[in-house]
Amino acid sequence: MANIKSAKKRIVTSQKRAARNKAVKSGVKTAVKKVRVAIEANDMAAAAEAFESAKSIIDKAASKGVLHKNTAARKVARLAAAVNKAQ
């Protein structure tokens, strides 16, 4: 356990950030899953709508620094390819 005041603050701060990052990453995974499920169900309208939502969520995660920008770009590109292939 930390004894120095600044070290104690860093522990609390890092726990808050880790919780926030975990929530954002979970949201990204959920959004991607919604697109995949819509594609598997052959519901192209829902897939396109879910893709736009997922793209927005992934881009926000990248802008916050939760995901690396290249990781976000790769996820969006793969989802777009899957939606286009399904159509």
N, C-alpha and C. Protein backbone atom coordinates (compact mmCIF):
# COMPACT_ATOMS: atom_id res chain seq x y z
N MET A 1 0.85 -1.19 0.00
CA MET A 1 0.00 0.00 0.00
C MET A 1 0.88 1.24 0.00
N ALA A 2 0.48 2.22 -0.76
CA ALA A 2 1.24 3.45 -0.88
C ALA A 2 1.12 4.29 0.39
N ASN A 3 2.21 4.97 0.74
CA ASN A 3 2.21 5.85 1.91
C ASN A 3 2.19 7.32 1.51
N ILE A 4 2.72 7.61 0.35
CA ILE A 4 2.82 9.00 -0.10
C ILE A 4 1.48 9.44 -0.68
N LYS A 5 1.09 10.68 -0.36
CA LYS A 5 -0.22 11.19 -0.77
C LYS A 5 -0.41 11.15 -2.29
N SER A 6 0.60 11.53 -3.03
CA SER A 6 0.47 11.55 -4.49
C SER A 6 0.33 10.13 -5.04
N ALA A 7 0.99 9.17 -4.42
CA ALA A 7 0.89 7.78 -4.86
C ALA A 7 -0.51 7.23 -4.58
N LYS A 8 -1.07 7.62 -3.44
CA LYS A 8 -2.45 7.21 -3.11
C LYS A 8 -3.43 7.77 -4.14
N LYS A 9 -3.21 9.03 -4.51
CA LYS A 9 -4.08 9.67 -5.50
C LYS A 9 -3.95 8.97 -6.85
N ARG A 10 -2.72 8.60 -7.23
CA ARG A 10 -2.52 7.91 -8.51
C ARG A 10 -3.25 6.57 -8.53
N ILE A 11 -3.29 5.88 -7.41
CA ILE A 11 -4.00 4.60 -7.34
C ILE A 11 -5.48 4.80 -7.61
N VAL A 12 -6.06 5.78 -6.94
CA VAL A 12 -7.49 6.06 -7.12
C VAL A 12 -7.77 6.50 -8.55
N THR A 13 -6.92 7.39 -9.06
CA THR A 13 -7.10 7.90 -10.42
C THR A 13 -7.01 6.78 -11.45
N SER A 14 -6.01 5.91 -11.29
CA SER A 14 -5.83 4.84 -12.26
C SER A 14 -6.98 3.84 -12.20
N GLN A 15 -7.54 3.63 -11.02
CA GLN A 15 -8.71 2.73 -10.90
C GLN A 15 -9.92 3.32 -11.61
N LYS A 16 -10.12 4.62 -11.47
CA LYS A 16 -11.23 5.29 -12.16
C LYS A 16 -11.06 5.18 -13.68
N ARG A 17 -9.83 5.45 -14.15
CA ARG A 17 -9.57 5.40 -15.58
C ARG A 17 -9.73 3.99 -16.12
N ALA A 18 -9.27 3.00 -15.35
CA ALA A 18 -9.38 1.61 -15.79
C ALA A 18 -10.85 1.21 -15.90
N ALA A 19 -11.66 1.64 -14.96
CA ALA A 19 -13.10 1.32 -14.99
C ALA A 19 -13.76 1.98 -16.20
N ARG A 20 -13.41 3.23 -16.48
CA ARG A 20 -13.98 3.95 -17.61
C ARG A 20 -13.55 3.29 -18.92
N ASN A 21 -12.27 2.94 -19.02
CA ASN A 21 -11.76 2.29 -20.23
C ASN A 21 -12.43 0.94 -20.45
N LYS A 22 -12.63 0.21 -19.37
CA LYS A 22 -13.28 -1.10 -19.47
C LYS A 22 -14.71 -0.95 -19.99
N ALA A 23 -15.41 0.06 -19.50
CA ALA A 23 -16.79 0.30 -19.95
C ALA A 23 -16.83 0.65 -21.43
N VAL A 24 -15.89 1.48 -21.87
CA VAL A 24 -15.86 1.88 -23.28
C VAL A 24 -15.54 0.68 -24.17
N LYS A 25 -14.55 -0.13 -23.76
CA LYS A 25 -14.18 -1.32 -24.54
C LYS A 25 -15.34 -2.30 -24.61
N SER A 26 -16.08 -2.44 -23.51
CA SER A 26 -17.24 -3.32 -23.49
C SER A 26 -18.30 -2.82 -24.45
N GLY A 27 -18.49 -1.51 -24.50
CA GLY A 27 -19.45 -0.91 -25.43
C GLY A 27 -19.07 -1.16 -26.87
N VAL A 28 -17.77 -1.10 -27.16
CA VAL A 28 -17.29 -1.38 -28.51
C VAL A 28 -17.60 -2.82 -28.89
N LYS A 29 -17.30 -3.74 -27.98
CA LYS A 29 -17.55 -5.16 -28.25
C LYS A 29 -19.04 -5.42 -28.48
N THR A 30 -19.89 -4.79 -27.70
CA THR A 30 -21.34 -4.95 -27.85
C THR A 30 -21.80 -4.43 -29.20
N ALA A 31 -21.29 -3.27 -29.60
CA ALA A 31 -21.68 -2.67 -30.87
C ALA A 31 -21.25 -3.56 -32.04
N VAL A 32 -20.04 -4.11 -31.97
CA VAL A 32 -19.55 -5.00 -33.03
C VAL A 32 -20.41 -6.26 -33.09
N LYS A 33 -20.76 -6.78 -31.93
CA LYS A 33 -21.57 -8.00 -31.88
C LYS A 33 -22.95 -7.76 -32.50
N LYS A 34 -23.53 -6.58 -32.26
CA LYS A 34 -24.84 -6.27 -32.85
C LYS A 34 -24.78 -6.30 -34.37
N VAL A 35 -23.69 -5.79 -34.93
CA VAL A 35 -23.53 -5.80 -36.38
C VAL A 35 -23.42 -7.24 -36.87
N ARG A 36 -22.58 -8.02 -36.22
CA ARG A 36 -22.38 -9.42 -36.62
C ARG A 36 -23.68 -10.23 -36.55
N VAL A 37 -24.45 -10.02 -35.48
CA VAL A 37 -25.73 -10.74 -35.32
C VAL A 37 -26.71 -10.35 -36.42
N ALA A 38 -26.76 -9.05 -36.75
CA ALA A 38 -27.66 -8.59 -37.80
C ALA A 38 -27.26 -9.17 -39.16
N ILE A 39 -25.96 -9.29 -39.39
CA ILE A 39 -25.49 -9.88 -40.66
C ILE A 39 -25.89 -11.36 -40.73
N GLU A 40 -25.68 -12.07 -39.64
CA GLU A 40 -26.02 -13.50 -39.61
C GLU A 40 -27.51 -13.74 -39.79
N ALA A 41 -28.32 -12.78 -39.33
CA ALA A 41 -29.77 -12.91 -39.46
C ALA A 41 -30.27 -12.42 -40.82
N ASN A 42 -29.34 -12.00 -41.68
CA ASN A 42 -29.67 -11.48 -43.02
C ASN A 42 -30.60 -10.27 -42.96
N ASP A 43 -30.47 -9.46 -41.92
CA ASP A 43 -31.26 -8.24 -41.78
C ASP A 43 -30.35 -7.07 -42.17
N MET A 44 -30.34 -6.76 -43.47
CA MET A 44 -29.39 -5.78 -43.98
C MET A 44 -29.67 -4.36 -43.49
N ALA A 45 -30.95 -4.03 -43.31
CA ALA A 45 -31.28 -2.69 -42.81
C ALA A 45 -30.75 -2.51 -41.40
N ALA A 46 -30.97 -3.51 -40.56
CA ALA A 46 -30.48 -3.45 -39.18
C ALA A 46 -28.95 -3.48 -39.15
N ALA A 47 -28.36 -4.25 -40.06
CA ALA A 47 -26.90 -4.34 -40.10
C ALA A 47 -26.29 -2.99 -40.46
N ALA A 48 -26.88 -2.32 -41.44
CA ALA A 48 -26.36 -1.01 -41.85
C ALA A 48 -26.50 0.02 -40.73
N GLU A 49 -27.65 -0.02 -40.06
CA GLU A 49 -27.89 0.90 -38.95
C GLU A 49 -26.93 0.61 -37.79
N ALA A 50 -26.77 -0.67 -37.47
CA ALA A 50 -25.87 -1.08 -36.39
C ALA A 50 -24.42 -0.73 -36.74
N PHE A 51 -24.07 -0.83 -38.01
CA PHE A 51 -22.71 -0.50 -38.45
C PHE A 51 -22.42 0.98 -38.22
N GLU A 52 -23.36 1.84 -38.57
CA GLU A 52 -23.16 3.28 -38.37
C GLU A 52 -22.99 3.60 -36.89
N SER A 53 -23.80 2.96 -36.07
CA SER A 53 -23.69 3.15 -34.62
C SER A 53 -22.35 2.64 -34.10
N ALA A 54 -21.95 1.46 -34.56
CA ALA A 54 -20.69 0.87 -34.12
C ALA A 54 -19.50 1.73 -34.56
N LYS A 55 -19.58 2.25 -35.77
CA LYS A 55 -18.50 3.09 -36.29
C LYS A 55 -18.32 4.32 -35.40
N SER A 56 -19.43 4.92 -35.01
CA SER A 56 -19.38 6.09 -34.14
C SER A 56 -18.77 5.74 -32.79
N ILE A 57 -19.19 4.63 -32.21
CA ILE A 57 -18.69 4.21 -30.90
C ILE A 57 -17.19 3.91 -30.97
N ILE A 58 -16.77 3.23 -32.02
CA ILE A 58 -15.35 2.89 -32.18
C ILE A 58 -14.52 4.15 -32.36
N ASP A 59 -15.01 5.09 -33.16
CA ASP A 59 -14.27 6.34 -33.38
C ASP A 59 -14.15 7.15 -32.09
N LYS A 60 -15.21 7.15 -31.29
CA LYS A 60 -15.15 7.86 -30.00
C LYS A 60 -14.14 7.22 -29.08
N ALA A 61 -14.10 5.88 -29.07
CA ALA A 61 -13.13 5.17 -28.23
C ALA A 61 -11.71 5.51 -28.65
N ALA A 62 -11.50 5.61 -29.95
CA ALA A 62 -10.16 5.96 -30.45
C ALA A 62 -9.80 7.39 -30.09
N SER A 63 -10.75 8.29 -30.17
CA SER A 63 -10.46 9.69 -29.86
C SER A 63 -10.17 9.89 -28.38
N LYS A 64 -10.77 9.04 -27.52
CA LYS A 64 -10.50 9.12 -26.09
C LYS A 64 -9.20 8.42 -25.71
N GLY A 65 -8.62 7.68 -26.66
CA GLY A 65 -7.37 7.00 -26.37
C GLY A 65 -7.56 5.62 -25.78
N VAL A 66 -8.79 5.14 -25.75
CA VAL A 66 -9.05 3.80 -25.22
C VAL A 66 -8.57 2.75 -26.22
N LEU A 67 -8.83 3.00 -27.49
CA LEU A 67 -8.34 2.14 -28.57
C LEU A 67 -7.30 2.92 -29.37
N HIS A 68 -6.30 2.22 -29.85
CA HIS A 68 -5.33 2.84 -30.75
C HIS A 68 -6.03 3.18 -32.06
N LYS A 69 -5.62 4.25 -32.70
CA LYS A 69 -6.31 4.71 -33.92
C LYS A 69 -6.28 3.65 -35.02
N ASN A 70 -5.17 2.92 -35.13
CA ASN A 70 -5.09 1.88 -36.16
C ASN A 70 -5.99 0.69 -35.82
N THR A 71 -6.12 0.38 -34.55
CA THR A 71 -7.02 -0.69 -34.13
C THR A 71 -8.45 -0.32 -34.47
N ALA A 72 -8.81 0.92 -34.20
CA ALA A 72 -10.16 1.39 -34.50
C ALA A 72 -10.41 1.35 -36.01
N ALA A 73 -9.45 1.79 -36.79
CA ALA A 73 -9.59 1.79 -38.24
C ALA A 73 -9.74 0.37 -38.76
N ARG A 74 -8.98 -0.56 -38.20
CA ARG A 74 -9.06 -1.96 -38.61
C ARG A 74 -10.43 -2.55 -38.29
N LYS A 75 -10.93 -2.26 -37.10
CA LYS A 75 -12.25 -2.77 -36.71
C LYS A 75 -13.34 -2.24 -37.64
N VAL A 76 -13.30 -0.95 -37.94
CA VAL A 76 -14.30 -0.33 -38.81
C VAL A 76 -14.20 -0.91 -40.22
N ALA A 77 -12.98 -1.08 -40.71
CA ALA A 77 -12.79 -1.61 -42.06
C ALA A 77 -13.32 -3.04 -42.18
N ARG A 78 -13.05 -3.86 -41.17
CA ARG A 78 -13.51 -5.24 -41.21
C ARG A 78 -15.03 -5.33 -41.11
N LEU A 79 -15.61 -4.47 -40.29
CA LEU A 79 -17.08 -4.45 -40.20
C LEU A 79 -17.69 -3.99 -41.51
N ALA A 80 -17.12 -2.95 -42.11
CA ALA A 80 -17.64 -2.44 -43.38
C ALA A 80 -17.55 -3.52 -44.45
N ALA A 81 -16.44 -4.23 -44.48
CA ALA A 81 -16.27 -5.30 -45.46
C ALA A 81 -17.31 -6.40 -45.25
N ALA A 82 -17.58 -6.73 -43.99
CA ALA A 82 -18.56 -7.78 -43.69
C ALA A 82 -19.96 -7.35 -44.09
N VAL A 83 -20.31 -6.09 -43.84
CA VAL A 83 -21.64 -5.58 -44.20
C VAL A 83 -21.77 -5.53 -45.72
N ASN A 84 -20.74 -5.06 -46.41
CA ASN A 84 -20.79 -4.98 -47.87
C ASN A 84 -20.86 -6.36 -48.50
N LYS A 85 -20.13 -7.32 -47.95
CA LYS A 85 -20.15 -8.67 -48.49
C LYS A 85 -21.53 -9.31 -48.31
N ALA A 86 -22.17 -9.02 -47.18
CA ALA A 86 -23.48 -9.59 -46.89
C ALA A 86 -24.54 -9.02 -47.83
N GLN A 87 -24.36 -7.76 -48.24
CA GLN A 87 -25.33 -7.14 -49.15
C GLN A 87 -25.06 -7.61 -50.54
